[in-house]
Structure formats: structure tokens, C-alpha cells
PDB file of all heavy atoms in Angstrom:
ATOM      1  N   ARG A   1     100.529  24.765 -13.925  1.00  0.00           N
ATOM      2  CA  ARG A   1     101.055  25.709 -14.880  1.00  0.00           C
ATOM      3  C   ARG A   1     101.756  25.036 -16.053  1.00  0.00           C
ATOM      4  O   ARG A   1     101.700  25.380 -17.168  1.00  0.00           O
ATOM      5  CB  ARG A   1     101.858  26.741 -14.185  1.00  0.00           C
ATOM      6  CG  ARG A   1     102.217  27.978 -14.988  1.00  0.00           C
ATOM      7  CD  ARG A   1     101.065  28.884 -15.184  1.00  0.00           C
ATOM      8  NE  ARG A   1     101.394  30.052 -15.920  1.00  0.00           N
ATOM      9  CZ  ARG A   1     100.484  31.019 -16.299  1.00  0.00           C
ATOM     10  NH1 ARG A   1      99.236  30.804 -16.018  1.00  0.00           N
ATOM     11  NH2 ARG A   1     100.903  32.042 -16.996  1.00  0.00           N
ATOM     12  N   SER A   2     102.633  24.038 -15.644  1.00  0.00           N
ATOM     13  CA  SER A   2     103.407  23.378 -16.646  1.00  0.00           C
ATOM     14  C   SER A   2     102.594  22.665 -17.642  1.00  0.00           C
ATOM     15  O   SER A   2     102.881  22.735 -18.907  1.00  0.00           O
ATOM     16  CB  SER A   2     104.428  22.361 -15.996  1.00  0.00           C
ATOM     17  OG  SER A   2     105.193  21.737 -16.873  1.00  0.00           O
ATOM     18  N   GLU A   3     101.618  21.961 -17.182  1.00  0.00           N
ATOM     19  CA  GLU A   3     100.710  21.264 -18.175  1.00  0.00           C
ATOM     20  C   GLU A   3     100.023  22.227 -19.075  1.00  0.00           C
ATOM     21  O   GLU A   3      99.874  21.955 -20.254  1.00  0.00           O
ATOM     22  CB  GLU A   3      99.684  20.430 -17.379  1.00  0.00           C
ATOM     23  CG  GLU A   3     100.156  19.091 -16.858  1.00  0.00           C
ATOM     24  CD  GLU A   3      99.002  18.339 -16.178  1.00  0.00           C
ATOM     25  OE1 GLU A   3      98.578  18.765 -15.091  1.00  0.00           O
ATOM     26  OE2 GLU A   3      98.597  17.304 -16.744  1.00  0.00           O
ATOM     27  N   LEU A   4      99.518  23.325 -18.496  1.00  0.00           N
ATOM     28  CA  LEU A   4      98.784  24.342 -19.283  1.00  0.00           C
ATOM     29  C   LEU A   4      99.720  24.901 -20.399  1.00  0.00           C
ATOM     30  O   LEU A   4      99.310  25.023 -21.601  1.00  0.00           O
ATOM     31  CB  LEU A   4      98.294  25.430 -18.384  1.00  0.00           C
ATOM     32  CG  LEU A   4      97.098  25.176 -17.479  1.00  0.00           C
ATOM     33  CD1 LEU A   4      96.857  26.238 -16.502  1.00  0.00           C
ATOM     34  CD2 LEU A   4      95.853  25.007 -18.433  1.00  0.00           C
ATOM     35  N   ARG A   5     100.950  25.181 -20.044  1.00  0.00           N
ATOM     36  CA  ARG A   5     101.978  25.713 -21.018  1.00  0.00           C
ATOM     37  C   ARG A   5     102.143  24.674 -22.113  1.00  0.00           C
ATOM     38  O   ARG A   5     102.254  25.027 -23.324  1.00  0.00           O
ATOM     39  CB  ARG A   5     103.255  26.138 -20.315  1.00  0.00           C
ATOM     40  CG  ARG A   5     103.191  27.451 -19.620  1.00  0.00           C
ATOM     41  CD  ARG A   5     104.543  27.992 -19.350  1.00  0.00           C
ATOM     42  NE  ARG A   5     105.382  27.065 -18.659  1.00  0.00           N
ATOM     43  CZ  ARG A   5     105.603  26.987 -17.352  1.00  0.00           C
ATOM     44  NH1 ARG A   5     104.934  27.930 -16.601  1.00  0.00           N
ATOM     45  NH2 ARG A   5     106.349  26.063 -16.723  1.00  0.00           N
ATOM     46  N   ASP A   6     102.353  23.409 -21.751  1.00  0.00           N
ATOM     47  CA  ASP A   6     102.624  22.379 -22.680  1.00  0.00           C
ATOM     48  C   ASP A   6     101.447  22.177 -23.624  1.00  0.00           C
ATOM     49  O   ASP A   6     101.625  22.046 -24.940  1.00  0.00           O
ATOM     50  CB  ASP A   6     102.949  21.039 -22.049  1.00  0.00           C
ATOM     51  CG  ASP A   6     104.331  21.039 -21.354  1.00  0.00           C
ATOM     52  OD1 ASP A   6     105.097  21.928 -21.627  1.00  0.00           O
ATOM     53  OD2 ASP A   6     104.572  20.150 -20.530  1.00  0.00           O
ATOM     54  N   LEU A   7     100.229  22.234 -23.152  1.00  0.00           N
ATOM     55  CA  LEU A   7      99.060  22.087 -23.973  1.00  0.00           C
ATOM     56  C   LEU A   7      98.876  23.290 -24.852  1.00  0.00           C
ATOM     57  O   LEU A   7      98.454  23.116 -26.044  1.00  0.00           O
ATOM     58  CB  LEU A   7      97.796  21.848 -23.106  1.00  0.00           C
ATOM     59  CG  LEU A   7      97.750  20.482 -22.375  1.00  0.00           C
ATOM     60  CD1 LEU A   7      96.703  20.436 -21.392  1.00  0.00           C
ATOM     61  CD2 LEU A   7      97.525  19.353 -23.384  1.00  0.00           C
ATOM     62  N   ALA A   8      99.143  24.429 -24.347  1.00  0.00           N
ATOM     63  CA  ALA A   8      99.087  25.688 -25.224  1.00  0.00           C
ATOM     64  C   ALA A   8     100.082  25.606 -26.328  1.00  0.00           C
ATOM     65  O   ALA A   8      99.756  26.023 -27.550  1.00  0.00           O
ATOM     66  CB  ALA A   8      99.276  26.899 -24.362  1.00  0.00           C
ATOM     67  N   SER A   9     101.268  25.098 -26.038  1.00  0.00           N
ATOM     68  CA  SER A   9     102.288  25.002 -27.111  1.00  0.00           C
ATOM     69  C   SER A   9     101.853  23.957 -28.152  1.00  0.00           C
ATOM     70  O   SER A   9     102.130  24.150 -29.372  1.00  0.00           O
ATOM     71  CB  SER A   9     103.615  24.454 -26.456  1.00  0.00           C
ATOM     72  OG  SER A   9     104.159  25.516 -25.590  1.00  0.00           O
ATOM     73  N   GLU A  10     101.149  22.921 -27.729  1.00  0.00           N
ATOM     74  CA  GLU A  10     100.678  21.887 -28.656  1.00  0.00           C
ATOM     75  C   GLU A  10      99.620  22.486 -29.612  1.00  0.00           C
ATOM     76  O   GLU A  10      99.612  22.199 -30.715  1.00  0.00           O
ATOM     77  CB  GLU A  10     100.233  20.668 -27.993  1.00  0.00           C
ATOM     78  CG  GLU A  10     100.285  19.420 -28.727  1.00  0.00           C
ATOM     79  CD  GLU A  10     101.633  19.058 -29.214  1.00  0.00           C
ATOM     80  OE1 GLU A  10     102.683  19.472 -28.586  1.00  0.00           O
ATOM     81  OE2 GLU A  10     101.731  18.356 -30.232  1.00  0.00           O
ATOM     82  N   VAL A  11      98.792  23.302 -29.038  1.00  0.00           N
ATOM     83  CA  VAL A  11      97.759  23.988 -29.884  1.00  0.00           C
ATOM     84  C   VAL A  11      98.435  24.965 -30.833  1.00  0.00           C
ATOM     85  O   VAL A  11      98.038  25.020 -31.997  1.00  0.00           O
ATOM     86  CB  VAL A  11      96.704  24.701 -28.999  1.00  0.00           C
ATOM     87  CG1 VAL A  11      95.795  25.622 -29.855  1.00  0.00           C
ATOM     88  CG2 VAL A  11      95.814  23.733 -28.231  1.00  0.00           C
ATOM     89  N   GLU A  12      99.455  25.625 -30.401  1.00  0.00           N
ATOM     90  CA  GLU A  12     100.173  26.549 -31.221  1.00  0.00           C
ATOM     91  C   GLU A  12     100.804  25.852 -32.417  1.00  0.00           C
ATOM     92  O   GLU A  12     100.769  26.237 -33.511  1.00  0.00           O
ATOM     93  CB  GLU A  12     101.218  27.261 -30.421  1.00  0.00           C
ATOM     94  CG  GLU A  12     102.058  28.255 -31.208  1.00  0.00           C
ATOM     95  CD  GLU A  12     103.131  28.946 -30.374  1.00  0.00           C
ATOM     96  OE1 GLU A  12     103.237  28.695 -29.182  1.00  0.00           O
ATOM     97  OE2 GLU A  12     103.840  29.799 -30.979  1.00  0.00           O
ATOM     98  N   TRP A  13     101.469  24.635 -32.066  1.00  0.00           N
ATOM     99  CA  TRP A  13     102.122  23.852 -33.082  1.00  0.00           C
ATOM    100  C   TRP A  13     101.064  23.374 -34.210  1.00  0.00           C
ATOM    101  O   TRP A  13     101.281  23.477 -35.375  1.00  0.00           O
ATOM    102  CB  TRP A  13     102.770  22.598 -32.553  1.00  0.00           C
ATOM    103  CG  TRP A  13     103.253  21.645 -33.538  1.00  0.00           C
ATOM    104  CD1 TRP A  13     104.445  21.721 -34.351  1.00  0.00           C
ATOM    105  CD2 TRP A  13     102.552  20.523 -34.086  1.00  0.00           C
ATOM    106  NE1 TRP A  13     104.534  20.716 -35.189  1.00  0.00           N
ATOM    107  CE2 TRP A  13     103.384  19.913 -35.101  1.00  0.00           C
ATOM    108  CE3 TRP A  13     101.337  19.809 -33.757  1.00  0.00           C
ATOM    109  CZ2 TRP A  13     102.968  18.782 -35.769  1.00  0.00           C
ATOM    110  CZ3 TRP A  13     100.981  18.689 -34.475  1.00  0.00           C
ATOM    111  CH2 TRP A  13     101.761  18.210 -35.400  1.00  0.00           C
ATOM    112  N   ALA A  14      99.938  22.923 -33.738  1.00  0.00           N
ATOM    113  CA  ALA A  14      98.845  22.522 -34.645  1.00  0.00           C
ATOM    114  C   ALA A  14      98.415  23.622 -35.495  1.00  0.00           C
ATOM    115  O   ALA A  14      98.292  23.405 -36.731  1.00  0.00           O
ATOM    116  CB  ALA A  14      97.713  21.943 -33.834  1.00  0.00           C
ATOM    117  N   LYS A  15      98.141  24.785 -34.995  1.00  0.00           N
ATOM    118  CA  LYS A  15      97.642  25.910 -35.857  1.00  0.00           C
ATOM    119  C   LYS A  15      98.775  26.371 -36.828  1.00  0.00           C
ATOM    120  O   LYS A  15      98.480  26.733 -37.914  1.00  0.00           O
ATOM    121  CB  LYS A  15      97.184  26.976 -34.982  1.00  0.00           C
ATOM    122  CG  LYS A  15      95.948  26.554 -34.032  1.00  0.00           C
ATOM    123  CD  LYS A  15      95.409  27.754 -33.339  1.00  0.00           C
ATOM    124  CE  LYS A  15      94.465  28.553 -34.280  1.00  0.00           C
ATOM    125  NZ  LYS A  15      93.614  29.476 -33.600  1.00  0.00           N
ATOM    126  N   ALA A  16      99.971  26.360 -36.279  1.00  0.00           N
ATOM    127  CA  ALA A  16     101.149  26.805 -37.153  1.00  0.00           C
ATOM    128  C   ALA A  16     101.339  25.899 -38.325  1.00  0.00           C
ATOM    129  O   ALA A  16     101.838  26.339 -39.379  1.00  0.00           O
ATOM    130  CB  ALA A  16     102.362  27.005 -36.361  1.00  0.00           C
ATOM    131  N   THR A  17     101.067  24.605 -38.100  1.00  0.00           N
ATOM    132  CA  THR A  17     101.257  23.628 -39.165  1.00  0.00           C
ATOM    133  C   THR A  17      99.971  23.288 -39.957  1.00  0.00           C
ATOM    134  O   THR A  17      99.910  22.368 -40.698  1.00  0.00           O
ATOM    135  CB  THR A  17     101.840  22.359 -38.626  1.00  0.00           C
ATOM    136  OG1 THR A  17     100.971  21.890 -37.548  1.00  0.00           O
ATOM    137  CG2 THR A  17     103.220  22.594 -38.036  1.00  0.00           C
ATOM    138  N   LEU A  18      98.925  24.082 -39.709  1.00  0.00           N
ATOM    139  CA  LEU A  18      97.609  23.995 -40.459  1.00  0.00           C
ATOM    140  C   LEU A  18      96.919  22.658 -40.189  1.00  0.00           C
ATOM    141  O   LEU A  18      96.295  22.135 -41.041  1.00  0.00           O
ATOM    142  CB  LEU A  18      97.849  24.220 -42.006  1.00  0.00           C
ATOM    143  CG  LEU A  18      98.505  25.602 -42.342  1.00  0.00           C
ATOM    144  CD1 LEU A  18      98.775  25.688 -43.852  1.00  0.00           C
ATOM    145  CD2 LEU A  18      97.586  26.742 -41.939  1.00  0.00           C
ATOM    146  N   VAL A  19      97.048  22.171 -38.933  1.00  0.00           N
ATOM    147  CA  VAL A  19      96.444  20.921 -38.607  1.00  0.00           C
ATOM    148  C   VAL A  19      95.174  21.231 -37.814  1.00  0.00           C
ATOM    149  O   VAL A  19      95.180  21.973 -36.792  1.00  0.00           O
ATOM    150  CB  VAL A  19      97.390  20.071 -37.717  1.00  0.00           C
ATOM    151  CG1 VAL A  19      96.649  18.938 -37.112  1.00  0.00           C
ATOM    152  CG2 VAL A  19      98.619  19.644 -38.537  1.00  0.00           C
ATOM    153  N   THR A  20      94.002  20.682 -38.165  1.00  0.00           N
ATOM    154  CA  THR A  20      92.770  20.910 -37.489  1.00  0.00           C
ATOM    155  C   THR A  20      92.635  19.895 -36.339  1.00  0.00           C
ATOM    156  O   THR A  20      93.364  18.942 -36.237  1.00  0.00           O
ATOM    157  CB  THR A  20      91.585  20.649 -38.457  1.00  0.00           C
ATOM    158  OG1 THR A  20      91.587  19.254 -38.856  1.00  0.00           O
ATOM    159  CG2 THR A  20      91.744  21.539 -39.711  1.00  0.00           C
ATOM    160  N   PRO A  21      91.705  20.204 -35.355  1.00  0.00           N
ATOM    161  CA  PRO A  21      91.536  19.236 -34.302  1.00  0.00           C
ATOM    162  C   PRO A  21      91.219  17.853 -34.750  1.00  0.00           C
ATOM    163  O   PRO A  21      91.730  16.869 -34.108  1.00  0.00           O
ATOM    164  CB  PRO A  21      90.299  19.805 -33.488  1.00  0.00           C
ATOM    165  CG  PRO A  21      90.361  21.316 -33.802  1.00  0.00           C
ATOM    166  CD  PRO A  21      90.869  21.338 -35.190  1.00  0.00           C
ATOM    167  N   GLU A  22      90.432  17.683 -35.878  1.00  0.00           N
ATOM    168  CA  GLU A  22      90.139  16.326 -36.425  1.00  0.00           C
ATOM    169  C   GLU A  22      91.323  15.629 -36.872  1.00  0.00           C
ATOM    170  O   GLU A  22      91.473  14.435 -36.780  1.00  0.00           O
ATOM    171  CB  GLU A  22      89.117  16.510 -37.582  1.00  0.00           C
ATOM    172  CG  GLU A  22      87.773  17.017 -37.114  1.00  0.00           C
ATOM    173  CD  GLU A  22      87.729  18.549 -36.888  1.00  0.00           C
ATOM    174  OE1 GLU A  22      88.653  19.237 -37.434  1.00  0.00           O
ATOM    175  OE2 GLU A  22      86.815  19.034 -36.170  1.00  0.00           O
ATOM    176  N   ASP A  23      92.300  16.424 -37.503  1.00  0.00           N
ATOM    177  CA  ASP A  23      93.446  15.755 -38.085  1.00  0.00           C
ATOM    178  C   ASP A  23      94.592  15.625 -37.063  1.00  0.00           C
ATOM    179  O   ASP A  23      95.632  15.002 -37.343  1.00  0.00           O
ATOM    180  CB  ASP A  23      93.970  16.551 -39.237  1.00  0.00           C
ATOM    181  CG  ASP A  23      92.957  16.623 -40.366  1.00  0.00           C
ATOM    182  OD1 ASP A  23      92.170  15.608 -40.462  1.00  0.00           O
ATOM    183  OD2 ASP A  23      92.928  17.494 -41.167  1.00  0.00           O
ATOM    184  N   TYR A  24      94.482  16.195 -35.947  1.00  0.00           N
ATOM    185  CA  TYR A  24      95.571  16.274 -34.945  1.00  0.00           C
ATOM    186  C   TYR A  24      96.161  14.920 -34.563  1.00  0.00           C
ATOM    187  O   TYR A  24      97.445  14.731 -34.590  1.00  0.00           O
ATOM    188  CB  TYR A  24      95.170  17.085 -33.678  1.00  0.00           C
ATOM    189  CG  TYR A  24      96.304  17.076 -32.648  1.00  0.00           C
ATOM    190  CD1 TYR A  24      97.391  17.933 -32.726  1.00  0.00           C
ATOM    191  CD2 TYR A  24      96.350  16.095 -31.626  1.00  0.00           C
ATOM    192  CE1 TYR A  24      98.373  17.903 -31.825  1.00  0.00           C
ATOM    193  CE2 TYR A  24      97.367  16.023 -30.670  1.00  0.00           C
ATOM    194  CZ  TYR A  24      98.417  16.925 -30.874  1.00  0.00           C
ATOM    195  OH  TYR A  24      99.422  16.888 -29.952  1.00  0.00           O
ATOM    196  N   PRO A  25      95.364  13.919 -34.099  1.00  0.00           N
ATOM    197  CA  PRO A  25      95.983  12.648 -33.679  1.00  0.00           C
ATOM    198  C   PRO A  25      96.893  12.083 -34.769  1.00  0.00           C
ATOM    199  O   PRO A  25      98.018  11.592 -34.370  1.00  0.00           O
ATOM    200  CB  PRO A  25      94.761  11.728 -33.440  1.00  0.00           C
ATOM    201  CG  PRO A  25      93.663  12.683 -33.093  1.00  0.00           C
ATOM    202  CD  PRO A  25      93.918  13.868 -34.050  1.00  0.00           C
TER     203      PRO A  25
END
């Protein structure tokens, strides 16, 4: 559950900062 929450938070950060999957790294 902890890993899932952390990964969900990372996706949330990316979308909130207008970062696409390609630009994420």
C-alpha cells in the first residue's frame, strides 16, 4: 500500500507540474 501511495503521489506531482511521461525522468 505504501508503494502504491508513493507512486500515485508521483503521478499527481507530474500532472500538477504539467510534466508528461516522456519528460518525467
